[in-house]
Amino acid sequence: MNIFRTKSIEQSIADADEPGRKLKRSLSTWDLMIMGVAVAVGAGIFSVGAKAAANFAGPAVTISFAIAAVTCALAIMCYAEFATAIPVAGSAYVFTYATMGEVLAWIIGWNLILELFTAAAVIAKYWGIYLSTVFGLMGVEMPPSVSVFGIDLYWGAFLIVAIFTVLLVLGTKLSARVGNVFTLIKIGVVLFVIVVGFSYVKFSNYTPFIPASEPTDSGAADVMKQSFFGFLTGAAPAQYGTLGVFAGAALVFFAFIGFDVVATSAEEVKNPQKTLPRGIFGGLALVTLLYILVSLALTGMVSYTQLAEVKNPTLTTAFEAVGNTDAAKVIAFGSLVGLTTVIMVLLMGLSRVVLAMSRDGLLPRSLSKTSEKRSTPARLQIICGAAVAVVAGVTKVDLLEEMINIGTLSAFVMVSLGILVLRKKRPDLKPAFRVPFGKVLPWVSAVLCFYLMTNLAVETWIFFAIWLVIGMVIYFSYGQRHSRLNEKFAAARASVNGGTTSTQPRGDEDEDTFTKV
């Protein structure tokens, strides 16, 4: 049982062309760039910056955004090099399988499912809440949830997930076109917020730019909310100061989540060697500029101490503080539109990761079938959409928001290290994009991503550990035994030993034949 066996790049590319499990290449550079903006510019730009400024970094939240952007950029460079070398669906999971082995690939794939599923469910729930807010601003009372058999049912989550599940089943290109329209609208809203916000800026609000560190009240609850780094070092729970800037970066990193999702679409991109790097970096540059401008406007409009007095501060809080209540309507609308496209991209990314894992047999192979007519994983997309809708509609999934960050950052660490392994194992590969400065930037990326992970709360790490344990149980009870690579290794050993190996069909595999090694 070799759990560190690797899958060759050539085999990954060959599997992507397997009849009945192929995806159609239809996305352009523009589509990818807009997809990155679509998934990153959500309601987070209207809320997470205010939260980080109020509770962690003060006006230095701008530096927090810059740190998060640099960390994301370094990791995305590694993704781009991998994606141009292995242009298939699955992103970090496929990259890890080709470099570090099956068990680590499973862990990363499992963490990607955590990231994408939790993010889609959390944001779908918020979408329903924002929809009610928009109706309320127009004078129409529309409660975000209804009681069914004593359970609060968030109907908006079901509605938006159902709409985009149908669009994704009908075709990736169609979904991208719809997403493009929504994305251009929300960019317009963000630009409006920036222009109006800067008209209220008072430079005195930027002082002190990095507030002095302040202790917080101690207690068991605070220990669970304390950063893991602070817990390990024995530092007393505190906010602001230099550590507060990094804690803010760990929080606002949520706003950059999604660019790795763009890499999952590698198999659906026309000319991926050129299109992927251009699309990913173009989107990241635009998003970073928007975030920094919004954070400067926010902290210049009102003092961070005013934001800290509000339980859940947002951009709306800042505009209300300066007396511009009309802007609240624009922000509410922008938040709703912003969340809409995020949900679409996350649902697509989730299905592509599961598709890649099921192709390899680590999850049931029946999940990897694609539609003959539209070349989309229709069955899988519906299953993913239904699961997200149920969790978003009936549970308190928003309690697990930080799980999204830790799942993403763990994948970023593995991809950054994987580049070093790939270059050593396959020096013959000549990807269209290579991370500059040799080994330096991949190492810096891995260290930065891991450091941001340690700035997440202790309770997040506990939940993460539980998730990993569940994943390993599934891998050793199902994935390892049903792995196609495992069967090929078994066939090769049998051939060497002069024996014969017969592979019994499992589920839908009566129509599949394994290539014996």
Protein backbone atom coordinates (compact mmCIF):
# COMPACT_ATOMS: atom_id res chain seq x y z
CA MET A 1 0.00 0.00 0.00
CA ASN A 2 2.00 2.98 -1.29
CA ILE A 3 -0.01 6.03 -0.25
CA PHE A 4 2.68 8.36 -1.61
CA ARG A 5 2.46 7.05 -5.18
CA THR A 6 2.25 9.85 -7.76
CA LYS A 7 0.25 10.17 -10.94
CA SER A 8 2.17 11.19 -14.04
CA ILE A 9 1.39 14.47 -15.76
CA GLU A 10 0.89 12.62 -19.04
CA GLN A 11 -1.71 10.37 -17.39
CA SER A 12 -3.57 13.35 -15.90
CA ILE A 13 -3.78 14.96 -19.34
CA ALA A 14 -4.85 11.66 -20.93
CA ASP A 15 -7.59 11.16 -18.31
CA ALA A 16 -8.96 14.61 -19.14
CA ASP A 17 -9.69 13.32 -22.66
CA GLU A 18 -11.51 10.22 -21.47
CA PRO A 19 -14.78 9.83 -23.42
CA GLY A 20 -17.83 10.65 -21.33
CA ARG A 21 -15.75 12.59 -18.81
CA LYS A 22 -14.39 15.44 -20.96
CA LEU A 23 -14.97 19.16 -20.47
CA LYS A 24 -15.26 21.65 -23.32
CA ARG A 25 -12.57 24.33 -23.84
CA SER A 26 -14.54 27.56 -24.28
CA LEU A 27 -13.12 30.22 -21.91
CA SER A 28 -10.93 33.16 -23.02
CA THR A 29 -8.49 35.45 -21.16
CA TRP A 30 -11.28 37.96 -20.61
CA ASP A 31 -13.56 35.25 -19.21
CA LEU A 32 -10.88 34.17 -16.72
CA MET A 33 -10.07 37.73 -15.67
CA ILE A 34 -13.73 38.51 -15.07
CA MET A 35 -14.14 35.16 -13.29
CA GLY A 36 -11.37 36.12 -10.85
CA VAL A 37 -12.98 39.50 -10.19
CA ALA A 38 -16.40 37.84 -9.97
CA VAL A 39 -15.36 35.45 -7.22
CA ALA A 40 -13.18 37.89 -5.26
CA VAL A 41 -15.27 41.09 -5.34
CA GLY A 42 -18.23 40.00 -3.26
CA ALA A 43 -19.83 41.34 -0.13
CA GLY A 44 -16.43 40.95 1.53
CA ILE A 45 -15.26 44.22 0.01
CA PHE A 46 -18.16 45.93 1.77
CA SER A 47 -17.75 44.23 5.16
CA VAL A 48 -14.53 42.36 5.84
CA GLY A 49 -12.34 45.47 5.53
CA ALA A 50 -14.44 47.33 8.08
CA LYS A 51 -14.29 44.38 10.47
CA ALA A 52 -10.51 44.08 10.15
CA ALA A 53 -10.03 47.83 10.66
CA ALA A 54 -12.28 47.92 13.70
CA ASN A 55 -10.96 44.88 15.55
CA PHE A 56 -7.39 44.27 14.35
CA ALA A 57 -5.47 46.80 12.27
CA GLY A 58 -7.08 50.24 12.41
CA PRO A 59 -6.15 52.42 9.38
CA ALA A 60 -3.30 49.96 8.70
CA VAL A 61 -5.93 47.61 7.29
CA THR A 62 -4.61 48.92 3.97
CA ILE A 63 -1.30 47.20 4.81
CA SER A 64 -3.29 44.09 5.77
CA PHE A 65 -4.85 44.06 2.31
CA ALA A 66 -1.42 44.56 0.72
CA ILE A 67 0.06 41.65 2.71
CA ALA A 68 -2.87 39.42 1.77
CA ALA A 69 -2.54 40.48 -1.89
CA VAL A 70 1.20 39.76 -2.01
CA THR A 71 0.65 36.37 -0.36
CA CYS A 72 -2.10 35.56 -2.83
CA ALA A 73 0.02 36.77 -5.78
CA LEU A 74 2.96 34.56 -4.80
CA ALA A 75 0.73 31.52 -4.43
CA ILE A 76 -1.09 32.29 -7.67
CA MET A 77 2.26 32.41 -9.50
CA CYS A 78 2.81 28.83 -8.39
CA TYR A 79 -0.71 27.93 -9.51
CA ALA A 80 -0.07 29.50 -12.90
CA GLU A 81 3.15 27.52 -13.42
CA PHE A 82 1.38 24.31 -12.47
CA ALA A 83 -1.71 25.07 -14.55
CA THR A 84 0.31 25.73 -17.72
CA ALA A 85 2.20 22.47 -17.15
CA ILE A 86 -0.90 20.41 -16.24
CA PRO A 87 -3.92 22.16 -17.84
CA VAL A 88 -6.65 19.94 -16.39
CA ALA A 89 -9.48 20.37 -13.89
CA GLY A 90 -8.75 19.88 -10.21
CA SER A 91 -6.28 22.66 -9.42
CA ALA A 92 -4.16 22.05 -6.30
CA TYR A 93 -5.42 18.47 -5.97
CA VAL A 94 -4.07 17.49 -9.42
CA PHE A 95 -0.83 19.40 -8.85
CA THR A 96 -0.19 17.65 -5.54
CA TYR A 97 -1.02 14.23 -7.01
CA ALA A 98 1.67 14.74 -9.66
CA THR A 99 4.35 15.81 -7.18
CA MET A 100 3.83 14.69 -3.58
CA GLY A 101 1.68 11.60 -3.77
CA GLU A 102 -1.86 10.34 -3.43
CA VAL A 103 -2.48 10.77 0.30
CA LEU A 104 -1.35 14.41 0.26
CA ALA A 105 -3.37 14.99 -2.91
CA TRP A 106 -6.41 13.59 -1.11
CA ILE A 107 -5.84 15.92 1.85
CA ILE A 108 -5.59 18.95 -0.46
CA GLY A 109 -8.63 17.87 -2.47
CA TRP A 110 -10.54 17.34 0.77
CA ASN A 111 -9.48 20.82 1.96
CA LEU A 112 -10.54 22.36 -1.37
CA ILE A 113 -13.96 20.78 -0.92
CA LEU A 114 -14.05 22.35 2.55
CA GLU A 115 -13.13 25.75 1.14
CA LEU A 116 -15.47 25.78 -1.82
CA PHE A 117 -18.44 24.07 -0.18
CA THR A 118 -18.33 26.18 2.97
CA ALA A 119 -17.78 29.39 1.02
CA ALA A 120 -20.66 28.66 -1.35
CA ALA A 121 -23.00 27.81 1.53
CA VAL A 122 -22.02 30.83 3.67
CA ILE A 123 -22.32 33.27 0.78
CA ALA A 124 -25.60 31.78 -0.46
CA LYS A 125 -27.05 32.34 3.00
CA TYR A 126 -25.80 35.93 3.08
CA TRP A 127 -27.24 36.47 -0.41
CA GLY A 128 -30.71 35.71 0.91
CA ILE A 129 -30.21 38.11 3.83
CA TYR A 130 -28.98 40.90 1.53
CA LEU A 131 -31.94 40.28 -0.78
CA SER A 132 -34.29 40.95 2.13
CA THR A 133 -32.33 44.11 2.94
CA VAL A 134 -32.67 45.40 -0.62
CA PHE A 135 -36.42 44.74 -0.58
CA GLY A 136 -36.62 46.53 2.80
CA LEU A 137 -34.88 49.61 1.39
CA MET A 138 -37.52 49.68 -1.33
CA GLY A 139 -40.29 49.54 1.28
CA VAL A 140 -41.15 45.88 0.76
CA GLU A 141 -40.99 43.62 3.81
CA MET A 142 -39.47 40.28 2.82
CA PRO A 143 -38.17 38.19 5.74
CA PRO A 144 -34.89 36.34 4.97
CA SER A 145 -36.25 33.11 6.40
CA VAL A 146 -39.53 31.32 6.97
CA SER A 147 -40.31 28.78 9.67
CA VAL A 148 -40.98 25.26 8.38
CA PHE A 149 -41.65 22.59 11.03
CA GLY A 150 -39.83 24.75 13.57
CA ILE A 151 -36.75 25.18 11.36
CA ASP A 152 -35.69 28.58 9.98
CA LEU A 153 -35.50 28.08 6.22
CA TYR A 154 -33.46 30.68 4.31
CA TRP A 155 -35.38 30.59 1.04
CA GLY A 156 -33.03 33.01 -0.74
CA ALA A 157 -30.16 30.53 -0.49
CA PHE A 158 -32.21 27.86 -2.23
CA LEU A 159 -33.25 30.31 -4.95
CA ILE A 160 -29.79 31.59 -5.95
CA VAL A 161 -28.10 28.18 -5.78
CA ALA A 162 -30.85 26.65 -7.91
CA ILE A 163 -30.54 29.38 -10.57
CA PHE A 164 -26.77 29.03 -10.98
CA THR A 165 -26.83 25.27 -10.78
CA VAL A 166 -29.14 25.26 -13.80
CA LEU A 167 -26.91 27.75 -15.65
CA LEU A 168 -23.78 25.70 -14.96
CA VAL A 169 -25.49 22.54 -16.15
CA LEU A 170 -26.45 24.32 -19.40
CA GLY A 171 -22.84 25.32 -20.09
CA THR A 172 -19.74 26.98 -18.67
CA LYS A 173 -19.60 29.63 -21.41
CA LEU A 174 -23.24 30.63 -20.83
CA SER A 175 -22.60 30.93 -17.09
CA ALA A 176 -19.51 33.04 -17.79
CA ARG A 177 -21.52 35.45 -19.95
CA VAL A 178 -24.13 35.92 -17.24
CA GLY A 179 -21.36 36.35 -14.66
CA ASN A 180 -19.65 38.98 -16.83
CA VAL A 181 -22.75 41.19 -16.78
CA PHE A 182 -23.11 40.99 -13.00
CA THR A 183 -19.39 41.57 -12.48
CA LEU A 184 -19.32 44.76 -14.57
CA ILE A 185 -22.30 46.06 -12.57
CA LYS A 186 -20.63 45.46 -9.22
CA ILE A 187 -17.34 47.03 -10.38
CA GLY A 188 -19.40 50.12 -11.17
CA VAL A 189 -20.89 50.05 -7.66
CA VAL A 190 -17.43 49.70 -6.07
CA LEU A 191 -16.13 52.66 -8.10
CA PHE A 192 -19.14 54.69 -6.90
CA VAL A 193 -18.32 53.81 -3.28
CA ILE A 194 -14.67 54.83 -3.76
CA VAL A 195 -15.46 58.18 -5.40
CA VAL A 196 -18.16 59.16 -2.89
CA GLY A 197 -16.18 57.81 0.06
CA PHE A 198 -13.08 59.89 -0.72
CA SER A 199 -15.23 63.04 -0.68
CA TYR A 200 -15.69 62.50 3.08
CA VAL A 201 -12.07 61.64 3.95
CA LYS A 202 -10.48 63.40 6.92
CA PHE A 203 -6.73 62.83 7.14
CA SER A 204 -6.90 62.96 10.94
CA ASN A 205 -8.70 59.60 10.85
CA TYR A 206 -5.52 57.99 9.52
CA THR A 207 -3.72 58.79 12.80
CA PRO A 208 -2.38 56.67 14.37
CA PHE A 209 -1.93 54.59 11.23
CA ILE A 210 -0.92 51.50 13.23
CA PRO A 211 -2.66 51.79 16.62
CA ALA A 212 -0.75 50.66 19.71
CA SER A 213 -1.39 47.09 20.79
CA GLU A 214 -4.15 46.73 23.39
CA PRO A 215 -4.91 43.71 25.57
CA THR A 216 -8.36 42.16 25.37
CA ASP A 217 -10.32 40.67 28.25
CA SER A 218 -9.07 37.21 29.12
CA GLY A 219 -11.24 34.13 29.47
CA ALA A 220 -11.89 30.71 27.98
CA ALA A 221 -13.96 32.15 25.15
CA ASP A 222 -11.16 34.55 24.25
CA VAL A 223 -8.62 31.73 24.17
CA MET A 224 -10.69 29.96 21.52
CA LYS A 225 -10.95 33.19 19.54
CA GLN A 226 -7.26 34.00 20.01
CA SER A 227 -4.91 33.48 17.08
CA PHE A 228 -3.21 30.10 16.99
CA PHE A 229 0.16 31.90 16.82
CA GLY A 230 -0.63 33.79 20.01
CA PHE A 231 -1.76 30.58 21.69
CA LEU A 232 1.47 28.76 20.75
CA THR A 233 3.72 31.61 21.87
CA GLY A 234 1.81 32.22 25.10
CA ALA A 235 1.10 35.84 24.21
CA ALA A 236 -1.84 37.44 25.98
CA PRO A 237 -4.88 38.04 23.74
CA ALA A 238 -4.46 41.47 22.17
CA GLN A 239 -5.59 43.62 19.25
CA TYR A 240 -3.93 46.25 17.04
CA GLY A 241 -0.18 46.73 16.81
CA THR A 242 2.02 44.90 14.30
CA LEU A 243 0.50 41.51 15.12
CA GLY A 244 -2.91 43.07 14.62
CA VAL A 245 -1.94 44.03 11.07
CA PHE A 246 -1.06 40.40 10.31
CA ALA A 247 -4.21 39.16 12.06
CA GLY A 248 -6.12 41.60 9.85
CA ALA A 249 -4.32 40.18 6.80
CA ALA A 250 -5.43 36.67 7.79
CA LEU A 251 -9.01 37.94 8.01
CA VAL A 252 -9.08 40.00 4.79
CA PHE A 253 -7.45 37.10 2.96
CA PHE A 254 -11.06 35.90 2.76
CA ALA A 255 -11.56 38.69 0.21
CA PHE A 256 -8.94 37.14 -2.11
CA ILE A 257 -10.27 33.62 -1.93
CA GLY A 258 -11.36 32.46 -5.34
CA PHE A 259 -8.34 33.02 -7.54
CA ASP A 260 -7.36 29.43 -6.94
CA VAL A 261 -10.84 28.51 -8.21
CA VAL A 262 -9.94 30.09 -11.55
CA ALA A 263 -7.15 27.50 -11.86
CA THR A 264 -9.75 24.72 -11.54
CA SER A 265 -11.12 25.83 -14.92
CA ALA A 266 -7.82 25.05 -16.69
CA GLU A 267 -9.43 22.21 -18.62
CA GLU A 268 -12.11 24.54 -20.02
CA VAL A 269 -9.72 27.28 -21.21
CA LYS A 270 -8.73 27.89 -24.81
CA ASN A 271 -4.93 27.95 -25.21
CA PRO A 272 -4.33 27.53 -21.43
CA GLN A 273 -0.54 28.11 -21.63
CA LYS A 274 -1.11 31.79 -22.44
CA THR A 275 -4.69 32.39 -21.32
CA LEU A 276 -4.37 31.18 -17.71
CA PRO A 277 -1.51 33.43 -16.51
CA ARG A 278 -2.93 36.51 -18.23
CA GLY A 279 -6.44 35.97 -16.92
CA ILE A 280 -5.42 35.16 -13.34
CA PHE A 281 -2.92 38.01 -12.89
CA GLY A 282 -5.11 40.55 -14.65
CA GLY A 283 -7.98 39.79 -12.30
CA LEU A 284 -5.77 39.83 -9.20
CA ALA A 285 -4.28 43.23 -10.10
CA LEU A 286 -7.71 44.81 -10.58
CA VAL A 287 -9.11 43.33 -7.36
CA THR A 288 -6.10 44.45 -5.29
CA LEU A 289 -6.41 48.02 -6.56
CA LEU A 290 -10.13 48.12 -5.72
CA TYR A 291 -9.60 46.70 -2.23
CA ILE A 292 -6.85 49.14 -1.29
CA LEU A 293 -8.85 52.14 -2.53
CA VAL A 294 -11.97 50.99 -0.65
CA SER A 295 -9.98 50.47 2.58
CA LEU A 296 -8.40 53.93 2.27
CA ALA A 297 -11.82 55.52 1.75
CA LEU A 298 -13.33 53.57 4.64
CA THR A 299 -10.71 54.41 7.28
CA GLY A 300 -10.50 58.02 6.07
CA MET A 301 -14.25 58.58 6.39
CA VAL A 302 -14.53 57.55 10.04
CA SER A 303 -12.15 56.70 12.85
CA TYR A 304 -11.49 53.02 13.40
CA THR A 305 -12.62 53.55 17.02
CA GLN A 306 -16.11 54.45 15.74
CA LEU A 307 -16.19 51.27 13.69
CA ALA A 308 -15.11 49.26 16.76
CA GLU A 309 -18.20 50.47 18.65
CA VAL A 310 -20.42 48.58 16.19
CA LYS A 311 -20.81 44.82 16.56
CA ASN A 312 -20.54 44.00 12.84
CA PRO A 313 -19.25 47.13 11.07
CA THR A 314 -19.55 47.46 7.29
CA LEU A 315 -19.10 50.18 4.68
CA THR A 316 -22.72 51.10 5.36
CA THR A 317 -21.69 51.92 8.95
CA ALA A 318 -19.16 54.44 7.65
CA PHE A 319 -21.60 56.15 5.29
CA GLU A 320 -24.27 56.33 7.99
CA ALA A 321 -21.70 57.90 10.33
CA VAL A 322 -21.10 60.74 7.85
CA GLY A 323 -24.83 61.19 7.23
CA ASN A 324 -25.08 59.73 3.72
CA THR A 325 -27.87 57.16 4.13
CA ASP A 326 -28.62 57.09 0.39
CA ALA A 327 -25.29 55.37 -0.20
CA ALA A 328 -26.54 52.51 1.99
CA LYS A 329 -29.02 51.56 -0.72
CA VAL A 330 -26.29 51.49 -3.36
CA ILE A 331 -24.04 49.40 -1.09
CA ALA A 332 -26.84 46.95 -0.31
CA PHE A 333 -27.51 46.53 -4.02
CA GLY A 334 -23.78 46.19 -4.73
CA SER A 335 -23.45 43.54 -2.02
CA LEU A 336 -26.30 41.55 -3.50
CA VAL A 337 -24.87 41.70 -7.02
CA GLY A 338 -21.40 40.99 -5.69
CA LEU A 339 -22.46 37.83 -3.91
CA THR A 340 -24.35 36.59 -6.95
CA THR A 341 -21.31 35.93 -9.14
CA VAL A 342 -19.24 34.60 -6.23
CA ILE A 343 -21.75 31.81 -5.71
CA MET A 344 -21.64 30.89 -9.39
CA VAL A 345 -17.83 30.55 -9.53
CA LEU A 346 -17.66 28.64 -6.24
CA LEU A 347 -20.29 26.14 -7.38
CA MET A 348 -18.34 25.58 -10.58
CA GLY A 349 -15.04 25.17 -8.74
CA LEU A 350 -16.54 22.71 -6.25
CA SER A 351 -17.87 20.44 -8.99
CA ARG A 352 -14.53 20.51 -10.87
CA VAL A 353 -12.52 19.44 -7.82
CA VAL A 354 -14.92 16.58 -7.08
CA LEU A 355 -14.86 15.67 -10.79
CA ALA A 356 -11.06 15.35 -10.75
CA MET A 357 -11.06 13.26 -7.57
CA SER A 358 -13.79 10.95 -8.85
CA ARG A 359 -11.98 10.45 -12.17
CA ASP A 360 -9.13 9.02 -10.13
CA GLY A 361 -11.43 6.75 -8.15
CA LEU A 362 -10.80 8.47 -4.81
CA LEU A 363 -14.51 9.34 -4.88
CA PRO A 364 -17.17 7.30 -6.73
CA ARG A 365 -16.39 7.23 -10.46
CA SER A 366 -20.03 7.78 -11.37
CA LEU A 367 -19.63 11.41 -10.26
CA SER A 368 -17.19 12.18 -13.07
CA LYS A 369 -19.58 11.60 -15.97
CA THR A 370 -20.20 14.60 -18.22
CA SER A 371 -23.13 15.42 -20.46
CA GLU A 372 -22.67 14.28 -24.05
CA LYS A 373 -24.53 17.31 -25.40
CA ARG A 374 -23.00 20.13 -23.32
CA SER A 375 -19.81 18.54 -21.91
CA THR A 376 -20.64 19.67 -18.37
CA PRO A 377 -20.74 17.44 -15.25
CA ALA A 378 -24.51 17.83 -15.02
CA ARG A 379 -25.17 15.08 -12.47
CA LEU A 380 -22.35 16.22 -10.21
CA GLN A 381 -23.28 19.89 -10.52
CA ILE A 382 -26.83 19.13 -9.40
CA ILE A 383 -25.58 17.08 -6.43
CA CYS A 384 -23.19 19.86 -5.37
CA GLY A 385 -25.89 22.50 -5.78
CA ALA A 386 -28.42 20.52 -3.76
CA ALA A 387 -25.94 19.92 -0.92
CA VAL A 388 -24.91 23.59 -0.79
CA ALA A 389 -28.56 24.74 -0.85
CA VAL A 390 -29.57 22.44 2.02
CA VAL A 391 -26.64 23.42 4.25
CA ALA A 392 -27.03 27.14 3.46
CA GLY A 393 -30.79 27.04 3.86
CA VAL A 394 -31.18 25.23 7.17
CA THR A 395 -27.90 25.39 9.17
CA LYS A 396 -25.78 28.01 10.93
CA VAL A 397 -22.98 27.52 8.43
CA ASP A 398 -21.85 31.12 8.88
CA LEU A 399 -20.22 30.03 12.17
CA LEU A 400 -17.54 28.29 10.08
CA GLU A 401 -16.45 31.31 8.00
CA GLU A 402 -12.77 31.04 8.95
CA MET A 403 -12.73 27.42 7.76
CA ILE A 404 -12.78 28.85 4.25
CA ASN A 405 -9.50 30.66 4.85
CA ILE A 406 -7.67 27.74 6.44
CA GLY A 407 -8.73 25.37 3.66
CA THR A 408 -7.45 27.76 1.01
CA LEU A 409 -4.19 28.59 2.75
CA SER A 410 -3.36 24.92 3.29
CA ALA A 411 -3.77 24.34 -0.45
CA PHE A 412 -1.59 27.38 -1.18
CA VAL A 413 1.20 26.00 1.04
CA MET A 414 1.12 22.63 -0.72
CA VAL A 415 1.10 24.14 -4.23
CA SER A 416 4.00 26.47 -3.37
CA LEU A 417 6.10 23.54 -2.16
CA GLY A 418 4.88 21.38 -5.02
CA ILE A 419 6.49 23.67 -7.59
CA LEU A 420 9.90 22.91 -6.09
CA VAL A 421 9.21 19.18 -6.28
CA LEU A 422 7.90 19.41 -9.85
CA ARG A 423 11.00 21.23 -11.08
CA LYS A 424 13.26 18.61 -9.49
CA LYS A 425 11.26 15.60 -10.72
CA ARG A 426 10.51 16.92 -14.21
CA PRO A 427 13.26 19.29 -15.36
CA ASP A 428 12.24 18.44 -18.94
CA LEU A 429 8.96 20.36 -18.57
CA LYS A 430 8.87 23.84 -20.09
CA PRO A 431 5.66 25.51 -18.85
CA ALA A 432 4.66 28.77 -20.53
CA PHE A 433 4.89 30.56 -17.17
CA ARG A 434 7.55 30.06 -14.49
CA VAL A 435 7.70 31.68 -11.06
CA PRO A 436 10.70 34.07 -11.19
CA PHE A 437 13.76 34.07 -8.88
CA GLY A 438 14.15 30.29 -8.82
CA LYS A 439 13.35 28.65 -5.49
CA VAL A 440 13.06 31.88 -3.49
CA LEU A 441 9.48 32.95 -4.23
CA PRO A 442 7.88 29.49 -3.83
CA TRP A 443 9.50 29.21 -0.39
CA VAL A 444 8.43 32.75 0.56
CA SER A 445 4.89 31.93 -0.60
CA ALA A 446 4.73 28.75 1.50
CA VAL A 447 6.06 30.49 4.63
CA LEU A 448 3.72 33.49 4.27
CA CYS A 449 0.66 31.30 3.70
CA PHE A 450 1.50 29.11 6.69
CA TYR A 451 2.07 32.18 8.86
CA LEU A 452 -1.33 33.56 7.91
CA MET A 453 -2.80 30.17 8.82
CA THR A 454 -1.33 30.52 12.33
CA ASN A 455 -3.08 33.89 12.68
CA LEU A 456 -6.47 32.23 12.44
CA ALA A 457 -8.37 31.42 15.63
CA VAL A 458 -7.66 28.40 17.83
CA GLU A 459 -11.21 27.11 17.33
CA THR A 460 -10.69 27.24 13.55
CA TRP A 461 -7.67 24.94 13.90
CA ILE A 462 -9.69 22.55 16.06
CA PHE A 463 -12.49 22.37 13.47
CA PHE A 464 -9.84 21.95 10.76
CA ALA A 465 -8.27 19.02 12.62
CA ILE A 466 -11.68 17.35 12.91
CA TRP A 467 -12.26 17.84 9.18
CA LEU A 468 -8.88 16.25 8.38
CA VAL A 469 -9.63 13.23 10.60
CA ILE A 470 -12.94 12.69 8.81
CA GLY A 471 -11.14 12.97 5.47
CA MET A 472 -8.50 10.40 6.39
CA VAL A 473 -11.18 7.95 7.53
CA ILE A 474 -12.89 8.27 4.13
CA TYR A 475 -9.58 7.92 2.27
CA PHE A 476 -8.46 4.74 4.01
CA SER A 477 -11.93 3.17 4.03
CA TYR A 478 -12.77 4.01 0.38
CA GLY A 479 -10.41 6.20 -1.63
CA GLN A 480 -7.18 4.24 -1.20
CA ARG A 481 -8.77 0.91 -2.14
CA HIS A 482 -10.75 2.29 -5.13
CA SER A 483 -7.96 4.47 -6.51
CA ARG A 484 -7.38 3.79 -10.21
CA LEU A 485 -3.68 4.31 -9.63
CA ASN A 486 -3.79 1.63 -6.93
CA GLU A 487 -5.34 -0.82 -9.39
CA LYS A 488 -2.71 -0.01 -12.01
CA PHE A 489 0.06 -0.58 -9.48
CA ALA A 490 -1.56 -3.87 -8.47
CA ALA A 491 -1.78 -4.93 -12.11
CA ALA A 492 1.87 -4.03 -12.67
CA ARG A 493 2.96 -6.06 -9.63
CA ALA A 494 0.89 -9.02 -10.77
CA SER A 495 2.45 -8.81 -14.22
CA VAL A 496 5.95 -8.75 -12.77
CA ASN A 497 5.13 -11.72 -10.54
CA GLY A 498 3.72 -13.67 -13.48
CA GLY A 499 0.18 -13.56 -12.08
CA THR A 500 -3.06 -12.19 -13.48
CA THR A 501 -5.26 -9.47 -12.15
CA SER A 502 -8.93 -9.05 -12.86
CA THR A 503 -10.67 -5.84 -12.09
CA GLN A 504 -14.28 -6.16 -11.05
CA PRO A 505 -16.50 -3.29 -12.21
CA ARG A 506 -17.70 -0.93 -9.53
CA GLY A 507 -20.87 1.05 -10.01
CA ASP A 508 -20.72 2.69 -13.42
CA GLU A 509 -17.42 1.10 -14.34
CA ASP A 510 -19.00 -1.58 -16.46
CA GLU A 511 -18.42 0.89 -19.30
CA ASP A 512 -14.86 1.65 -18.25
CA THR A 513 -11.74 -0.39 -18.80
CA PHE A 514 -8.53 0.20 -16.96
CA THR A 515 -5.25 0.48 -18.80
CA LYS A 516 -2.92 -2.11 -17.34
CA VAL A 517 0.56 -0.93 -16.55
